[in-house]
C-alpha atoms as a PDB file:
ATOM      1  CA  UNK A   1      -2.650  11.094  -5.024  1.00  0.00           C
ATOM      2  CA  UNK A   2       0.029   8.698  -6.313  1.00  0.00           C
ATOM      3  CA  UNK A   3       3.121   7.948  -3.604  1.00  0.00           C
ATOM      4  CA  UNK A   4       6.071   5.126  -3.861  1.00  0.00           C
ATOM      5  CA  UNK A   5       6.856   3.639  -0.725  1.00  0.00           C
ATOM      6  CA  UNK A   6       9.300   0.624  -0.110  1.00  0.00           C
ATOM      7  CA  UNK A   7       8.377  -2.656  -0.728  1.00  0.00           C
ATOM      8  CA  UNK A   8       9.209  -4.771   3.123  1.00  0.00           C
ATOM      9  CA  UNK A   9       7.428  -7.447   4.764  1.00  0.00           C
ATOM     10  CA  UNK A  10       4.077  -5.787   5.064  1.00  0.00           C
ATOM     11  CA  UNK A  11       3.461  -5.418   1.244  1.00  0.00           C
ATOM     12  CA  UNK A  12       5.745  -7.699  -0.110  1.00  0.00           C
ATOM     13  CA  UNK A  13       3.252 -10.268  -0.866  1.00  0.00           C
ATOM     14  CA  UNK A  14       0.731  -7.758  -2.306  1.00  0.00           C
ATOM     15  CA  UNK A  15       3.541  -6.592  -4.426  1.00  0.00           C
ATOM     16  CA  UNK A  16       4.194  -9.773  -6.271  1.00  0.00           C
ATOM     17  CA  UNK A  17       0.456 -10.987  -6.832  1.00  0.00           C
ATOM     18  CA  UNK A  18      -0.077  -7.854  -8.594  1.00  0.00           C
ATOM     19  CA  UNK A  19      -0.628  -8.743 -12.571  1.00  0.00           C
ATOM     20  CA  UNK A  20      -1.108  -6.755 -15.534  1.00  0.00           C
ATOM     21  CA  UNK A  21      -3.909  -7.953 -18.244  1.00  0.00           C
ATOM     22  CA  UNK A  22      -3.047 -11.573 -19.973  1.00  0.00           C
ATOM     23  CA  UNK A  23      -2.825  -9.779 -23.305  1.00  0.00           C
ATOM     24  CA  UNK A  24       0.158  -7.136 -21.623  1.00  0.00           C
ATOM     25  CA  UNK A  25       2.075 -10.100 -19.593  1.00  0.00           C
ATOM     26  CA  UNK A  26       4.381 -10.837 -22.766  1.00  0.00           C
ATOM     27  CA  UNK A  27       5.406  -7.179 -22.275  1.00  0.00           C
ATOM     28  CA  UNK A  28       6.478  -7.299 -18.632  1.00  0.00           C
ATOM     29  CA  UNK A  29       8.271  -9.514 -16.229  1.00  0.00           C
ATOM     30  CA  UNK A  30       6.568 -10.251 -13.218  1.00  0.00           C
ATOM     31  CA  UNK A  31       7.006  -7.845 -10.181  1.00  0.00           C
ATOM     32  CA  UNK A  32       8.601 -10.896  -8.360  1.00  0.00           C
ATOM     33  CA  UNK A  33      10.945 -11.902 -10.983  1.00  0.00           C
ATOM     34  CA  UNK A  34      11.869  -7.767 -10.960  1.00  0.00           C
ATOM     35  CA  UNK A  35      12.476  -7.734  -7.330  1.00  0.00           C
ATOM     36  CA  UNK A  36      14.745 -10.874  -7.253  1.00  0.00           C
ATOM     37  CA  UNK A  37      16.494  -9.095 -10.462  1.00  0.00           C
ATOM     38  CA  UNK A  38      16.759  -6.528  -7.877  1.00  0.00           C
ATOM     39  CA  UNK A  39      18.832  -8.425  -5.549  1.00  0.00           C
ATOM     40  CA  UNK A  40      21.252  -9.826  -7.750  1.00  0.00           C
ATOM     41  CA  UNK A  41      21.786  -6.033  -9.393  1.00  0.00           C
ATOM     42  CA  UNK A  42      21.859  -4.008  -6.372  1.00  0.00           C
ATOM     43  CA  UNK A  43      21.831  -0.875  -8.125  1.00  0.00           C
ATOM     44  CA  UNK A  44      18.032  -1.517  -9.034  1.00  0.00           C
ATOM     45  CA  UNK A  45      15.673   0.153  -7.129  1.00  0.00           C
ATOM     46  CA  UNK A  46      12.128  -1.207  -6.601  1.00  0.00           C
ATOM     47  CA  UNK A  47       8.966   0.704  -5.765  1.00  0.00           C
ATOM     48  CA  UNK A  48       5.211   0.063  -4.956  1.00  0.00           C
ATOM     49  CA  UNK A  49       2.855   2.647  -6.264  1.00  0.00           C
ATOM     50  CA  UNK A  50      -0.075   3.586  -4.110  1.00  0.00           C
ATOM     51  CA  UNK A  51      -3.043   5.370  -5.373  1.00  0.00           C
ATOM     52  CA  UNK A  52      -3.591   7.016  -1.707  1.00  0.00           C
ATOM     53  CA  UNK A  53      -3.725   3.167   0.404  1.00  0.00           C
ATOM     54  CA  UNK A  54      -4.474   1.570  -2.266  1.00  0.00           C
ATOM     55  CA  UNK A  55      -1.373  -0.525  -4.031  1.00  0.00           C
ATOM     56  CA  UNK A  56      -1.700  -0.328  -7.831  1.00  0.00           C
ATOM     57  CA  UNK A  57       1.512  -0.803  -9.083  1.00  0.00           C
ATOM     58  CA  UNK A  58       5.191  -1.504  -9.023  1.00  0.00           C
ATOM     59  CA  UNK A  59       8.225   0.056 -10.259  1.00  0.00           C
ATOM     60  CA  UNK A  60      12.064  -0.317 -10.777  1.00  0.00           C
ATOM     61  CA  UNK A  61      14.465   1.764 -12.160  1.00  0.00           C
ATOM     62  CA  UNK A  62      18.456   2.533 -11.872  1.00  0.00           C
ATOM     63  CA  UNK A  63      21.475   4.066 -12.928  1.00  0.00           C
ATOM     64  CA  UNK A  64      22.791   1.423 -15.252  1.00  0.00           C
ATOM     65  CA  UNK A  65      26.306   0.505 -14.704  1.00  0.00           C
ATOM     66  CA  UNK A  66      27.021  -0.189 -18.226  1.00  0.00           C
ATOM     67  CA  UNK A  67      26.493   3.544 -19.546  1.00  0.00           C
ATOM     68  CA  UNK A  68      25.900   5.086 -16.244  1.00  0.00           C
ATOM     69  CA  UNK A  69      22.534   7.029 -16.768  1.00  0.00           C
ATOM     70  CA  UNK A  70      19.534   6.541 -15.754  1.00  0.00           C
ATOM     71  CA  UNK A  71      17.014   3.639 -17.363  1.00  0.00           C
ATOM     72  CA  UNK A  72      13.452   2.981 -15.721  1.00  0.00           C
ATOM     73  CA  UNK A  73      13.666  -0.880 -16.140  1.00  0.00           C
ATOM     74  CA  UNK A  74       9.918  -1.777 -15.089  1.00  0.00           C
ATOM     75  CA  UNK A  75       6.541   0.362 -14.364  1.00  0.00           C
ATOM     76  CA  UNK A  76       2.982  -1.677 -14.096  1.00  0.00           C
ATOM     77  CA  UNK A  77      -0.018  -1.092 -12.877  1.00  0.00           C
ATOM     78  CA  UNK A  78      -2.071  -3.746 -11.691  1.00  0.00           C
ATOM     79  CA  UNK A  79      -4.862  -4.778 -14.277  1.00  0.00           C
ATOM     80  CA  UNK A  80      -7.953  -3.885 -12.289  1.00  0.00           C
ATOM     81  CA  UNK A  81      -6.567  -0.390 -11.474  1.00  0.00           C
ATOM     82  CA  UNK A  82      -5.370   0.633 -15.456  1.00  0.00           C
ATOM     83  CA  UNK A  83      -7.520   3.509 -17.593  1.00  0.00           C
ATOM     84  CA  UNK A  84      -7.423   5.153 -14.535  1.00  0.00           C
ATOM     85  CA  UNK A  85      -4.482   7.646 -14.830  1.00  0.00           C
ATOM     86  CA  UNK A  86      -2.333   5.865 -12.594  1.00  0.00           C
ATOM     87  CA  UNK A  87       0.494   5.078 -14.848  1.00  0.00           C
ATOM     88  CA  UNK A  88       0.656   7.954 -16.246  1.00  0.00           C
ATOM     89  CA  UNK A  89       0.921   9.747 -13.094  1.00  0.00           C
ATOM     90  CA  UNK A  90       3.193   7.448 -11.629  1.00  0.00           C
ATOM     91  CA  UNK A  91       5.797   7.882 -14.410  1.00  0.00           C
ATOM     92  CA  UNK A  92       5.642  11.426 -13.806  1.00  0.00           C
ATOM     93  CA  UNK A  93       6.506  10.994 -10.303  1.00  0.00           C
ATOM     94  CA  UNK A  94       9.508   8.722 -11.075  1.00  0.00           C
ATOM     95  CA  UNK A  95      10.493  11.458 -13.523  1.00  0.00           C
ATOM     96  CA  UNK A  96      10.232  14.069 -10.856  1.00  0.00           C
ATOM     97  CA  UNK A  97      12.333  11.724  -8.767  1.00  0.00           C
ATOM     98  CA  UNK A  98      14.977  11.355 -11.107  1.00  0.00           C
ATOM     99  CA  UNK A  99      15.313  14.546 -12.337  1.00  0.00           C
ATOM    100  CA  UNK A 100      16.378  15.705  -8.382  1.00  0.00           C
ATOM    101  CA  UNK A 101      19.506  14.332  -9.493  1.00  0.00           C
ATOM    102  CA  UNK A 102      21.377  17.247 -11.193  1.00  0.00           C
ATOM    103  CA  UNK A 103      24.340  14.897 -12.528  1.00  0.00           C
ATOM    104  CA  UNK A 104      22.798  13.512 -15.142  1.00  0.00           C
ATOM    105  CA  UNK A 105      20.422  14.821 -17.729  1.00  0.00           C
ATOM    106  CA  UNK A 106      18.925  11.703 -19.643  1.00  0.00           C
ATOM    107  CA  UNK A 107      16.312   8.652 -18.877  1.00  0.00           C
ATOM    108  CA  UNK A 108      16.344   5.422 -20.859  1.00  0.00           C
ATOM    109  CA  UNK A 109      13.073   3.296 -21.157  1.00  0.00           C
ATOM    110  CA  UNK A 110      12.810   0.609 -23.117  1.00  0.00           C
ATOM    111  CA  UNK A 111       9.443  -1.412 -24.895  1.00  0.00           C
ATOM    112  CA  UNK A 112       8.151  -4.235 -27.027  1.00  0.00           C
ATOM    113  CA  UNK A 113       7.924  -2.669 -30.759  1.00  0.00           C
ATOM    114  CA  UNK A 114       3.693  -3.723 -30.533  1.00  0.00           C
ATOM    115  CA  UNK A 115       3.274  -2.144 -27.314  1.00  0.00           C
ATOM    116  CA  UNK A 116       1.606   0.934 -28.721  1.00  0.00           C
ATOM    117  CA  UNK A 117      -0.251   2.095 -26.220  1.00  0.00           C
ATOM    118  CA  UNK A 118       2.898   2.754 -23.912  1.00  0.00           C
ATOM    119  CA  UNK A 119       4.559   4.045 -26.904  1.00  0.00           C
ATOM    120  CA  UNK A 120       2.317   6.907 -27.042  1.00  0.00           C
ATOM    121  CA  UNK A 121       2.027   6.755 -23.078  1.00  0.00           C
ATOM    122  CA  UNK A 122       5.921   7.865 -23.430  1.00  0.00           C
ATOM    123  CA  UNK A 123       5.818  10.678 -26.123  1.00  0.00           C
ATOM    124  CA  UNK A 124       3.310  12.333 -24.168  1.00  0.00           C
ATOM    125  CA  UNK A 125       5.983  12.502 -21.503  1.00  0.00           C
ATOM    126  CA  UNK A 126       8.468  14.036 -23.693  1.00  0.00           C
ATOM    127  CA  UNK A 127      10.785  10.503 -24.252  1.00  0.00           C
ATOM    128  CA  UNK A 128      11.702  10.198 -28.416  1.00  0.00           C
ATOM    129  CA  UNK A 129      13.352   7.503 -30.049  1.00  0.00           C
ATOM    130  CA  UNK A 130      16.742   7.343 -29.554  1.00  0.00           C
ATOM    131  CA  UNK A 131      17.492   5.177 -32.588  1.00  0.00           C
ATOM    132  CA  UNK A 132      18.175   1.939 -30.918  1.00  0.00           C
ATOM    133  CA  UNK A 133      17.278  -1.545 -30.430  1.00  0.00           C
ATOM    134  CA  UNK A 134      18.511  -3.301 -27.495  1.00  0.00           C
ATOM    135  CA  UNK A 135      17.171  -7.328 -27.434  1.00  0.00           C
ATOM    136  CA  UNK A 136      14.471  -6.718 -29.603  1.00  0.00           C
ATOM    137  CA  UNK A 137      13.243  -3.179 -27.868  1.00  0.00           C
ATOM    138  CA  UNK A 138      12.697   0.701 -28.644  1.00  0.00           C
ATOM    139  CA  UNK A 139      14.976   2.406 -26.827  1.00  0.00           C
ATOM    140  CA  UNK A 140      13.457   5.861 -26.030  1.00  0.00           C
ATOM    141  CA  UNK A 141      15.304   8.401 -24.142  1.00  0.00           C
ATOM    142  CA  UNK A 142      13.816  11.825 -22.165  1.00  0.00           C
ATOM    143  CA  UNK A 143      16.753  14.345 -21.848  1.00  0.00           C
ATOM    144  CA  UNK A 144      16.412  17.059 -19.018  1.00  0.00           C
END
């Protein structure tokens, strides 16, 4: 079962040690960078992703101050836990968490154009291209 937990003194060092496969490093910022970014951008919410009691990944999301909509800025599953369904399960859980806020009806996410694996995952979850490119990344949206 996938669960989110706060990042605190008990798991901080383990969270920053998580990493994606070498060929994926160009697609996602490190967790350490993301946690530092959340310090400067307090609207960002960082969570660790666990499968049962095993730390498997990290996510960061927020209500963006520019468009006042939800954005999933980061989601990563550690290389040794990939291809086990944890990424899809974590995305589904995160989407459900965001949907509890009834004042919003859209979730945005962006990704590098050559990251075809996440493109397919996001499409399976109901995301669609919204026609924008931001900082060289394709923007997808999920309306609910």
